[in-house]
Amino acid sequence: MDIKHLQYFIEVANYSSFSRAANQLFITQPTISKMIKNLEMELGVALFDRSRKQLILTDAGRIILEQAKLIDKAFKNLEMELDNLTGLKKGHIRIGLPPIFNAQHFLKIVGDFHERYPGITFQLVEEGSKRIEENVEKNLLDVGVVVLPTKNEIFDHFSFMEENLKVILHSSHPLSEREQVNLADLENESFILFNKDFVLNDRIIHSCNSAGFNPHIISESSQRPFIEEMVASKFGVSLLPESVCRNLNKHIKSVNVVNPSISWRLGIIWGRNQYFSYAAKEWLEFTKSRLSLGYQ
């Protein structure tokens, strides 16, 4: 049995006639008669009383007609919902964003996409790169912005930004007036870092070790404003991407770090072997085309 058998049965019942139903469906009367006969054989009951001049539904036919109408309505609703999805009238996209980067331009792209496809909704989750990777792998997020490199055997990715980190310190700090500092110059400083959910935490500690010291970490946080506030309150220093350093508290200065410099590269990841919705695919292509023009 397929949906057409039930739809043809509904039409015959509506018109109480094989010929009129056939005309309405643009098929021949023998074709529709054969399909109804096949349906009766499959169900094991007679649907129509054919002994009279006009077709009359049997008791079984009336019961099956009620259910057939429900099935037909559900099927049409399903077709409509699928059309909405493939036509991008509906959809939901789950995006993981690290709170560490300046997302203003990125969110403008999300807003432009929503303006084009207003029926598509978004869930934006702020987490560190490590947690974002875990949640994309578990299919709790569709895509995520993370610090590269990533696990290429699990994720596909698109790189869109690379920049250096700068040290941020209170404006009264002796190093604040320099154009650049060696990383080793920070050996005796108190560090305020993002917590261990952030790849940047590992990157900074590893770079300090390469410069010959282990950083003295007095606090870790998942919130960038809290880190900036601690620096503004003279608790210590931190390291942030240069794009973030353009909009700092007036009591904070940022200085380039060299020997070694510390860079980070951001990319969008998505599961290599996971289902990707129509909305997420369209959003990704839209975003990639916009980011290819440059991330400012």
C-alpha atoms as a PDB file:
ATOM      1  CA  MET A   1       0.000   0.000   0.000  1.00  0.00           C
ATOM      2  CA  ASP A   2       1.219   3.487  -0.771  1.00  0.00           C
ATOM      3  CA  ILE A   3      -0.262   6.929  -0.260  1.00  0.00           C
ATOM      4  CA  LYS A   4      -1.674   7.070  -3.806  1.00  0.00           C
ATOM      5  CA  HIS A   5      -3.891   4.042  -3.127  1.00  0.00           C
ATOM      6  CA  LEU A   6      -5.450   5.884  -0.202  1.00  0.00           C
ATOM      7  CA  GLN A   7      -5.734   9.167  -2.096  1.00  0.00           C
ATOM      8  CA  TYR A   8      -7.516   7.432  -5.011  1.00  0.00           C
ATOM      9  CA  PHE A   9      -9.817   5.687  -2.550  1.00  0.00           C
ATOM     10  CA  ILE A  10     -10.715   9.057  -0.981  1.00  0.00           C
ATOM     11  CA  GLU A  11     -11.560  10.513  -4.398  1.00  0.00           C
ATOM     12  CA  VAL A  12     -13.783   7.552  -5.344  1.00  0.00           C
ATOM     13  CA  ALA A  13     -15.573   7.855  -1.993  1.00  0.00           C
ATOM     14  CA  ASN A  14     -16.044  11.620  -2.481  1.00  0.00           C
ATOM     15  CA  TYR A  15     -17.610  11.186  -5.941  1.00  0.00           C
ATOM     16  CA  SER A  16     -19.251   7.781  -5.313  1.00  0.00           C
ATOM     17  CA  SER A  17     -18.057   6.980  -8.811  1.00  0.00           C
ATOM     18  CA  PHE A  18     -15.002   5.398 -10.401  1.00  0.00           C
ATOM     19  CA  SER A  19     -15.402   7.343 -13.638  1.00  0.00           C
ATOM     20  CA  ARG A  20     -15.820  10.779 -12.054  1.00  0.00           C
ATOM     21  CA  ALA A  21     -12.900  10.165  -9.717  1.00  0.00           C
ATOM     22  CA  ALA A  22     -10.782   9.026 -12.678  1.00  0.00           C
ATOM     23  CA  ASN A  23     -11.624  12.225 -14.578  1.00  0.00           C
ATOM     24  CA  GLN A  24     -10.687  14.338 -11.570  1.00  0.00           C
ATOM     25  CA  LEU A  25      -7.346  12.510 -11.206  1.00  0.00           C
ATOM     26  CA  PHE A  26      -6.648  12.482 -14.976  1.00  0.00           C
ATOM     27  CA  ILE A  27      -6.296   8.690 -15.117  1.00  0.00           C
ATOM     28  CA  THR A  28      -8.379   5.994 -16.794  1.00  0.00           C
ATOM     29  CA  GLN A  29     -11.284   4.294 -15.068  1.00  0.00           C
ATOM     30  CA  PRO A  30      -9.734   0.779 -15.392  1.00  0.00           C
ATOM     31  CA  THR A  31      -6.595   2.075 -13.673  1.00  0.00           C
ATOM     32  CA  ILE A  32      -8.421   3.476 -10.656  1.00  0.00           C
ATOM     33  CA  SER A  33     -10.707   0.426 -10.457  1.00  0.00           C
ATOM     34  CA  LYS A  34      -7.663  -1.859 -10.389  1.00  0.00           C
ATOM     35  CA  MET A  35      -5.963   0.208  -7.677  1.00  0.00           C
ATOM     36  CA  ILE A  36      -9.052   0.105  -5.446  1.00  0.00           C
ATOM     37  CA  LYS A  37      -9.342  -3.647  -6.013  1.00  0.00           C
ATOM     38  CA  ASN A  38      -5.687  -4.103  -5.049  1.00  0.00           C
ATOM     39  CA  LEU A  39      -6.282  -2.034  -1.912  1.00  0.00           C
ATOM     40  CA  GLU A  40      -9.265  -4.198  -0.958  1.00  0.00           C
ATOM     41  CA  MET A  41      -7.242  -7.364  -1.476  1.00  0.00           C
ATOM     42  CA  GLU A  42      -4.387  -5.988   0.649  1.00  0.00           C
ATOM     43  CA  LEU A  43      -6.734  -4.953   3.469  1.00  0.00           C
ATOM     44  CA  GLY A  44      -8.840  -8.109   3.194  1.00  0.00           C
ATOM     45  CA  VAL A  45     -12.165  -6.222   3.171  1.00  0.00           C
ATOM     46  CA  ALA A  46     -14.563  -4.770   0.601  1.00  0.00           C
ATOM     47  CA  LEU A  47     -14.547  -0.980   0.601  1.00  0.00           C
ATOM     48  CA  PHE A  48     -17.580  -0.426  -1.612  1.00  0.00           C
ATOM     49  CA  ASP A  49     -20.907  -2.133  -2.098  1.00  0.00           C
ATOM     50  CA  ARG A  50     -21.009  -2.516  -5.892  1.00  0.00           C
ATOM     51  CA  SER A  51     -24.397  -4.262  -6.025  1.00  0.00           C
ATOM     52  CA  ARG A  52     -26.272  -0.991  -6.342  1.00  0.00           C
ATOM     53  CA  LYS A  53     -26.403   1.565  -9.119  1.00  0.00           C
ATOM     54  CA  GLN A  54     -24.352   4.039  -7.047  1.00  0.00           C
ATOM     55  CA  LEU A  55     -21.210   3.080  -5.167  1.00  0.00           C
ATOM     56  CA  ILE A  56     -21.855   2.862  -1.412  1.00  0.00           C
ATOM     57  CA  LEU A  57     -19.155   2.580   1.249  1.00  0.00           C
ATOM     58  CA  THR A  58     -19.244  -0.563   3.341  1.00  0.00           C
ATOM     59  CA  ASP A  59     -18.886  -0.369   7.131  1.00  0.00           C
ATOM     60  CA  ALA A  60     -15.206  -1.195   6.720  1.00  0.00           C
ATOM     61  CA  GLY A  61     -14.960   1.391   3.941  1.00  0.00           C
ATOM     62  CA  ARG A  62     -16.302   4.146   6.210  1.00  0.00           C
ATOM     63  CA  ILE A  63     -13.803   3.325   8.962  1.00  0.00           C
ATOM     64  CA  ILE A  64     -10.905   3.155   6.524  1.00  0.00           C
ATOM     65  CA  LEU A  65     -12.004   6.420   4.850  1.00  0.00           C
ATOM     66  CA  GLU A  66     -11.729   8.263   8.185  1.00  0.00           C
ATOM     67  CA  GLN A  67      -8.213   6.970   8.715  1.00  0.00           C
ATOM     68  CA  ALA A  68      -7.237   7.512   5.080  1.00  0.00           C
ATOM     69  CA  LYS A  69      -8.188  11.194   5.364  1.00  0.00           C
ATOM     70  CA  LEU A  70      -6.031  11.564   8.475  1.00  0.00           C
ATOM     71  CA  ILE A  71      -3.090   9.867   6.748  1.00  0.00           C
ATOM     72  CA  ASP A  72      -3.539  12.029   3.632  1.00  0.00           C
ATOM     73  CA  LYS A  73      -3.640  15.205   5.743  1.00  0.00           C
ATOM     74  CA  ALA A  74      -0.507  14.146   7.643  1.00  0.00           C
ATOM     75  CA  PHE A  75       1.276  13.358   4.382  1.00  0.00           C
ATOM     76  CA  LYS A  76       0.387  16.754   2.914  1.00  0.00           C
ATOM     77  CA  ASN A  77       1.579  18.454   6.118  1.00  0.00           C
ATOM     78  CA  LEU A  78       4.827  16.492   5.822  1.00  0.00           C
ATOM     79  CA  GLU A  79       5.275  17.611   2.218  1.00  0.00           C
ATOM     80  CA  MET A  80       4.646  21.218   3.222  1.00  0.00           C
ATOM     81  CA  GLU A  81       7.125  21.042   6.114  1.00  0.00           C
ATOM     82  CA  LEU A  82       9.773  19.512   3.848  1.00  0.00           C
ATOM     83  CA  ASP A  83       9.141  22.230   1.271  1.00  0.00           C
ATOM     84  CA  ASN A  84       9.589  24.795   4.036  1.00  0.00           C
ATOM     85  CA  LEU A  85      12.885  23.218   5.056  1.00  0.00           C
ATOM     86  CA  THR A  86      14.305  22.834   1.557  1.00  0.00           C
ATOM     87  CA  GLY A  87      12.998  26.300   0.652  1.00  0.00           C
ATOM     88  CA  LEU A  88      14.647  27.645   3.844  1.00  0.00           C
ATOM     89  CA  LYS A  89      11.367  28.992   5.221  1.00  0.00           C
ATOM     90  CA  LYS A  90      12.088  27.118   8.443  1.00  0.00           C
ATOM     91  CA  GLY A  91      15.116  25.828  10.304  1.00  0.00           C
ATOM     92  CA  HIS A  92      17.198  26.152  13.449  1.00  0.00           C
ATOM     93  CA  ILE A  93      20.982  26.602  13.615  1.00  0.00           C
ATOM     94  CA  ARG A  94      23.060  26.026  16.761  1.00  0.00           C
ATOM     95  CA  ILE A  95      26.344  27.953  16.808  1.00  0.00           C
ATOM     96  CA  GLY A  96      29.114  27.848  19.388  1.00  0.00           C
ATOM     97  CA  LEU A  97      31.119  31.064  19.850  1.00  0.00           C
ATOM     98  CA  PRO A  98      34.154  31.642  22.076  1.00  0.00           C
ATOM     99  CA  PRO A  99      33.592  34.720  24.262  1.00  0.00           C
ATOM    100  CA  ILE A 100      37.208  35.682  23.710  1.00  0.00           C
ATOM    101  CA  PHE A 101      36.918  37.034  20.167  1.00  0.00           C
ATOM    102  CA  ASN A 102      35.335  40.219  18.859  1.00  0.00           C
ATOM    103  CA  ALA A 103      32.136  38.820  17.383  1.00  0.00           C
ATOM    104  CA  GLN A 104      30.634  42.093  16.131  1.00  0.00           C
ATOM    105  CA  HIS A 105      31.359  41.461  12.449  1.00  0.00           C
ATOM    106  CA  PHE A 106      30.460  37.788  12.756  1.00  0.00           C
ATOM    107  CA  LEU A 107      27.094  38.581  14.374  1.00  0.00           C
ATOM    108  CA  LYS A 108      26.408  41.143  11.627  1.00  0.00           C
ATOM    109  CA  ILE A 109      26.682  38.261   9.132  1.00  0.00           C
ATOM    110  CA  VAL A 110      24.270  36.177  11.232  1.00  0.00           C
ATOM    111  CA  GLY A 111      21.860  39.129  11.273  1.00  0.00           C
ATOM    112  CA  ASP A 112      22.101  39.599   7.497  1.00  0.00           C
ATOM    113  CA  PHE A 113      21.366  35.900   6.982  1.00  0.00           C
ATOM    114  CA  HIS A 114      18.340  36.101   9.293  1.00  0.00           C
ATOM    115  CA  GLU A 115      17.092  39.115   7.335  1.00  0.00           C
ATOM    116  CA  ARG A 116      17.251  37.040   4.155  1.00  0.00           C
ATOM    117  CA  TYR A 117      15.659  33.956   5.781  1.00  0.00           C
ATOM    118  CA  PRO A 118      13.473  35.283   8.648  1.00  0.00           C
ATOM    119  CA  GLY A 119      11.940  31.858   9.347  1.00  0.00           C
ATOM    120  CA  ILE A 120      15.294  30.425  10.435  1.00  0.00           C
ATOM    121  CA  THR A 121      16.112  30.748  14.126  1.00  0.00           C
ATOM    122  CA  PHE A 122      19.466  30.663  15.928  1.00  0.00           C
ATOM    123  CA  GLN A 123      20.866  29.378  19.189  1.00  0.00           C
ATOM    124  CA  LEU A 124      24.165  31.100  20.062  1.00  0.00           C
ATOM    125  CA  VAL A 125      26.201  29.465  22.824  1.00  0.00           C
ATOM    126  CA  GLU A 126      29.316  31.050  24.352  1.00  0.00           C
ATOM    127  CA  GLU A 127      31.932  28.448  25.306  1.00  0.00           C
ATOM    128  CA  GLY A 128      35.639  27.754  25.023  1.00  0.00           C
ATOM    129  CA  SER A 129      37.032  26.039  21.931  1.00  0.00           C
ATOM    130  CA  LYS A 130      37.496  22.690  23.671  1.00  0.00           C
ATOM    131  CA  ARG A 131      33.873  22.569  24.821  1.00  0.00           C
ATOM    132  CA  ILE A 132      32.647  23.740  21.419  1.00  0.00           C
ATOM    133  CA  GLU A 133      34.536  20.896  19.715  1.00  0.00           C
ATOM    134  CA  GLU A 134      33.010  18.399  22.152  1.00  0.00           C
ATOM    135  CA  ASN A 135      29.493  19.679  21.520  1.00  0.00           C
ATOM    136  CA  VAL A 136      29.853  19.745  17.725  1.00  0.00           C
ATOM    137  CA  GLU A 137      31.138  16.163  17.876  1.00  0.00           C
ATOM    138  CA  LYS A 138      28.129  15.169  20.045  1.00  0.00           C
ATOM    139  CA  ASN A 139      25.788  16.971  17.616  1.00  0.00           C
ATOM    140  CA  LEU A 140      24.708  19.396  20.347  1.00  0.00           C
ATOM    141  CA  LEU A 141      25.912  22.210  18.074  1.00  0.00           C
ATOM    142  CA  ASP A 142      25.755  22.407  14.271  1.00  0.00           C
ATOM    143  CA  VAL A 143      28.855  24.572  13.882  1.00  0.00           C
ATOM    144  CA  GLY A 144      31.355  26.294  16.107  1.00  0.00           C
ATOM    145  CA  VAL A 145      34.034  28.961  15.989  1.00  0.00           C
ATOM    146  CA  VAL A 146      37.245  27.542  17.481  1.00  0.00           C
ATOM    147  CA  VAL A 147      40.961  28.163  17.692  1.00  0.00           C
ATOM    148  CA  LEU A 148      42.752  26.132  15.012  1.00  0.00           C
ATOM    149  CA  PRO A 149      44.198  23.598  14.444  1.00  0.00           C
ATOM    150  CA  THR A 150      41.309  21.228  15.081  1.00  0.00           C
ATOM    151  CA  LYS A 151      40.763  17.466  14.794  1.00  0.00           C
ATOM    152  CA  ASN A 152      40.691  17.029  11.020  1.00  0.00           C
ATOM    153  CA  GLU A 153      39.637  13.388  11.286  1.00  0.00           C
ATOM    154  CA  ILE A 154      36.414  14.516  13.007  1.00  0.00           C
ATOM    155  CA  PHE A 155      35.737  18.023  11.686  1.00  0.00           C
ATOM    156  CA  ASP A 156      35.772  19.940   8.447  1.00  0.00           C
ATOM    157  CA  HIS A 157      36.733  23.555   8.910  1.00  0.00           C
ATOM    158  CA  PHE A 158      37.014  26.963   7.277  1.00  0.00           C
ATOM    159  CA  SER A 159      39.728  29.331   8.517  1.00  0.00           C
ATOM    160  CA  PHE A 160      38.791  33.018   8.507  1.00  0.00           C
ATOM    161  CA  MET A 161      41.093  34.994  10.832  1.00  0.00           C
ATOM    162  CA  GLU A 162      44.649  35.002  12.153  1.00  0.00           C
ATOM    163  CA  GLU A 163      46.176  37.555  14.500  1.00  0.00           C
ATOM    164  CA  ASN A 164      48.671  37.969  17.339  1.00  0.00           C
ATOM    165  CA  LEU A 165      47.958  38.247  21.035  1.00  0.00           C
ATOM    166  CA  LYS A 166      48.901  41.380  22.946  1.00  0.00           C
ATOM    167  CA  VAL A 167      49.592  41.749  26.639  1.00  0.00           C
ATOM    168  CA  ILE A 168      47.077  43.943  28.428  1.00  0.00           C
ATOM    169  CA  LEU A 169      48.102  45.747  31.618  1.00  0.00           C
ATOM    170  CA  HIS A 170      47.077  48.677  33.745  1.00  0.00           C
ATOM    171  CA  SER A 171      47.978  52.060  32.256  1.00  0.00           C
ATOM    172  CA  SER A 172      50.228  52.768  35.262  1.00  0.00           C
ATOM    173  CA  HIS A 173      52.289  49.608  34.710  1.00  0.00           C
ATOM    174  CA  PRO A 174      55.979  50.281  33.877  1.00  0.00           C
ATOM    175  CA  LEU A 175      55.674  48.275  30.630  1.00  0.00           C
ATOM    176  CA  SER A 176      52.538  50.078  29.398  1.00  0.00           C
ATOM    177  CA  GLU A 177      54.427  52.757  27.456  1.00  0.00           C
ATOM    178  CA  ARG A 178      56.540  50.323  25.450  1.00  0.00           C
ATOM    179  CA  GLU A 179      55.788  49.514  21.820  1.00  0.00           C
ATOM    180  CA  GLN A 180      56.621  45.864  22.440  1.00  0.00           C
ATOM    181  CA  VAL A 181      57.811  43.560  25.195  1.00  0.00           C
ATOM    182  CA  ASN A 182      59.622  40.250  25.145  1.00  0.00           C
ATOM    183  CA  LEU A 183      57.483  37.477  26.552  1.00  0.00           C
ATOM    184  CA  ALA A 184      60.281  36.798  29.081  1.00  0.00           C
ATOM    185  CA  ASP A 185      59.763  40.345  30.440  1.00  0.00           C
ATOM    186  CA  LEU A 186      56.475  39.061  31.918  1.00  0.00           C
ATOM    187  CA  GLU A 187      58.127  36.317  33.977  1.00  0.00           C
ATOM    188  CA  ASN A 188      57.430  37.989  37.320  1.00  0.00           C
ATOM    189  CA  GLU A 189      53.907  39.133  36.469  1.00  0.00           C
ATOM    190  CA  SER A 190      50.660  37.690  37.831  1.00  0.00           C
ATOM    191  CA  PHE A 191      48.600  36.241  34.971  1.00  0.00           C
ATOM    192  CA  ILE A 192      44.819  36.284  34.594  1.00  0.00           C
ATOM    193  CA  LEU A 193      43.841  33.748  31.939  1.00  0.00           C
ATOM    194  CA  PHE A 194      40.821  32.135  30.409  1.00  0.00           C
ATOM    195  CA  ASN A 195      40.057  28.785  32.014  1.00  0.00           C
ATOM    196  CA  LYS A 196      41.100  25.359  30.786  1.00  0.00           C
ATOM    197  CA  ASP A 197      38.081  25.048  28.417  1.00  0.00           C
ATOM    198  CA  PHE A 198      39.956  27.543  26.234  1.00  0.00           C
ATOM    199  CA  VAL A 199      42.708  26.471  23.854  1.00  0.00           C
ATOM    200  CA  LEU A 200      44.264  29.881  24.457  1.00  0.00           C
ATOM    201  CA  ASN A 201      45.049  28.833  28.022  1.00  0.00           C
ATOM    202  CA  ASP A 202      47.280  26.013  26.746  1.00  0.00           C
ATOM    203  CA  ARG A 203      48.776  28.229  24.025  1.00  0.00           C
ATOM    204  CA  ILE A 204      49.853  30.945  26.487  1.00  0.00           C
ATOM    205  CA  ILE A 205      51.301  28.533  29.055  1.00  0.00           C
ATOM    206  CA  HIS A 206      53.208  26.652  26.336  1.00  0.00           C
ATOM    207  CA  SER A 207      54.620  29.933  24.926  1.00  0.00           C
ATOM    208  CA  CYS A 208      55.713  31.082  28.387  1.00  0.00           C
ATOM    209  CA  ASN A 209      57.426  27.738  28.951  1.00  0.00           C
ATOM    210  CA  SER A 210      59.220  28.212  25.610  1.00  0.00           C
ATOM    211  CA  ALA A 211      60.413  31.614  26.861  1.00  0.00           C
ATOM    212  CA  GLY A 212      61.923  29.953  29.936  1.00  0.00           C
ATOM    213  CA  PHE A 213      59.351  30.437  32.678  1.00  0.00           C
ATOM    214  CA  ASN A 214      56.113  29.026  34.046  1.00  0.00           C
ATOM    215  CA  PRO A 215      53.468  31.775  34.339  1.00  0.00           C
ATOM    216  CA  HIS A 216      52.190  32.634  37.820  1.00  0.00           C
ATOM    217  CA  ILE A 217      48.429  32.325  37.300  1.00  0.00           C
ATOM    218  CA  ILE A 218      46.366  34.028  39.989  1.00  0.00           C
ATOM    219  CA  SER A 219      42.937  33.681  38.364  1.00  0.00           C
ATOM    220  CA  GLU A 220      41.125  31.944  35.521  1.00  0.00           C
ATOM    221  CA  SER A 221      37.760  32.893  34.057  1.00  0.00           C
ATOM    222  CA  SER A 222      35.438  32.154  31.153  1.00  0.00           C
ATOM    223  CA  GLN A 223      34.383  35.808  30.865  1.00  0.00           C
ATOM    224  CA  ARG A 224      36.442  38.374  28.983  1.00  0.00           C
ATOM    225  CA  PRO A 225      34.898  41.439  30.743  1.00  0.00           C
ATOM    226  CA  PHE A 226      35.841  39.936  34.121  1.00  0.00           C
ATOM    227  CA  ILE A 227      39.450  39.457  32.996  1.00  0.00           C
ATOM    228  CA  GLU A 228      39.611  43.053  31.725  1.00  0.00           C
ATOM    229  CA  GLU A 229      38.129  44.328  34.980  1.00  0.00           C
ATOM    230  CA  MET A 230      40.746  42.473  37.011  1.00  0.00           C
ATOM    231  CA  VAL A 231      43.524  43.984  34.897  1.00  0.00           C
ATOM    232  CA  ALA A 232      41.937  47.449  35.297  1.00  0.00           C
ATOM    233  CA  SER A 233      41.945  46.828  39.069  1.00  0.00           C
ATOM    234  CA  LYS A 234      45.718  46.055  39.006  1.00  0.00           C
ATOM    235  CA  PHE A 235      45.377  42.377  39.879  1.00  0.00           C
ATOM    236  CA  GLY A 236      47.715  41.336  37.081  1.00  0.00           C
ATOM    237  CA  VAL A 237      48.173  41.098  33.306  1.00  0.00           C
ATOM    238  CA  SER A 238      46.547  39.052  30.580  1.00  0.00           C
ATOM    239  CA  LEU A 239      46.946  38.257  26.894  1.00  0.00           C
ATOM    240  CA  LEU A 240      44.173  38.926  24.388  1.00  0.00           C
ATOM    241  CA  PRO A 241      43.840  38.968  20.574  1.00  0.00           C
ATOM    242  CA  GLU A 242      44.632  42.308  18.950  1.00  0.00           C
ATOM    243  CA  SER A 243      41.083  42.715  17.587  1.00  0.00           C
ATOM    244  CA  VAL A 244      39.765  42.588  21.161  1.00  0.00           C
ATOM    245  CA  CYS A 245      42.391  45.081  22.349  1.00  0.00           C
ATOM    246  CA  ARG A 246      40.891  47.851  20.202  1.00  0.00           C
ATOM    247  CA  ASN A 247      38.041  48.399  22.653  1.00  0.00           C
ATOM    248  CA  LEU A 248      39.596  48.188  26.094  1.00  0.00           C
ATOM    249  CA  ASN A 249      38.795  49.929  29.353  1.00  0.00           C
ATOM    250  CA  LYS A 250      40.436  53.387  29.453  1.00  0.00           C
ATOM    251  CA  HIS A 251      42.646  52.255  32.349  1.00  0.00           C
ATOM    252  CA  ILE A 252      44.121  49.384  30.286  1.00  0.00           C
ATOM    253  CA  LYS A 253      46.910  49.526  27.722  1.00  0.00           C
ATOM    254  CA  SER A 254      47.854  46.811  25.233  1.00  0.00           C
ATOM    255  CA  VAL A 255      51.415  46.112  24.098  1.00  0.00           C
ATOM    256  CA  ASN A 256      52.793  43.837  21.370  1.00  0.00           C
ATOM    257  CA  VAL A 257      54.505  40.660  22.545  1.00  0.00           C
ATOM    258  CA  VAL A 258      57.621  39.279  20.772  1.00  0.00           C
ATOM    259  CA  ASN A 259      60.289  36.613  21.237  1.00  0.00           C
ATOM    260  CA  PRO A 260      58.116  34.688  20.820  1.00  0.00           C
ATOM    261  CA  SER A 261      54.968  36.299  19.505  1.00  0.00           C
ATOM    262  CA  ILE A 262      51.802  34.320  20.222  1.00  0.00           C
ATOM    263  CA  SER A 263      49.284  33.969  17.415  1.00  0.00           C
ATOM    264  CA  TRP A 264      45.886  32.401  17.100  1.00  0.00           C
ATOM    265  CA  ARG A 265      43.886  31.331  14.077  1.00  0.00           C
ATOM    266  CA  LEU A 266      40.115  31.076  14.140  1.00  0.00           C
ATOM    267  CA  GLY A 267      37.952  28.834  12.020  1.00  0.00           C
ATOM    268  CA  ILE A 268      34.424  27.480  11.734  1.00  0.00           C
ATOM    269  CA  ILE A 269      34.130  23.711  12.302  1.00  0.00           C
ATOM    270  CA  TRP A 270      31.334  21.244  11.565  1.00  0.00           C
ATOM    271  CA  GLY A 271      31.085  17.469  11.915  1.00  0.00           C
ATOM    272  CA  ARG A 272      32.632  15.599   9.007  1.00  0.00           C
ATOM    273  CA  ASN A 273      30.272  12.600   9.174  1.00  0.00           C
ATOM    274  CA  GLN A 274      27.194  14.161  10.750  1.00  0.00           C
ATOM    275  CA  TYR A 275      23.829  15.214   9.321  1.00  0.00           C
ATOM    276  CA  PHE A 276      23.849  18.860   8.261  1.00  0.00           C
ATOM    277  CA  SER A 277      20.472  20.567   7.905  1.00  0.00           C
ATOM    278  CA  TYR A 278      19.465  22.578   4.819  1.00  0.00           C
ATOM    279  CA  ALA A 279      19.459  25.750   6.935  1.00  0.00           C
ATOM    280  CA  ALA A 280      22.933  25.064   8.361  1.00  0.00           C
ATOM    281  CA  LYS A 281      24.353  24.300   4.889  1.00  0.00           C
ATOM    282  CA  GLU A 282      22.966  27.539   3.464  1.00  0.00           C
ATOM    283  CA  TRP A 283      24.173  29.548   6.471  1.00  0.00           C
ATOM    284  CA  LEU A 284      27.669  28.067   6.160  1.00  0.00           C
ATOM    285  CA  GLU A 285      27.957  28.921   2.454  1.00  0.00           C
ATOM    286  CA  PHE A 286      26.574  32.414   3.100  1.00  0.00           C
ATOM    287  CA  THR A 287      29.020  32.969   5.976  1.00  0.00           C
ATOM    288  CA  LYS A 288      32.027  31.579   4.121  1.00  0.00           C
ATOM    289  CA  SER A 289      31.373  33.923   1.180  1.00  0.00           C
ATOM    290  CA  ARG A 290      31.114  36.932   3.507  1.00  0.00           C
ATOM    291  CA  LEU A 291      34.150  36.019   5.609  1.00  0.00           C
ATOM    292  CA  SER A 292      36.199  35.460   2.456  1.00  0.00           C
ATOM    293  CA  LEU A 293      35.883  39.189   1.835  1.00  0.00           C
ATOM    294  CA  GLY A 294      37.816  39.823   5.045  1.00  0.00           C
ATOM    295  CA  TYR A 295      37.267  39.893   8.783  1.00  0.00           C
ATOM    296  CA  GLN A 296      37.588  43.402  10.180  1.00  0.00           C
END
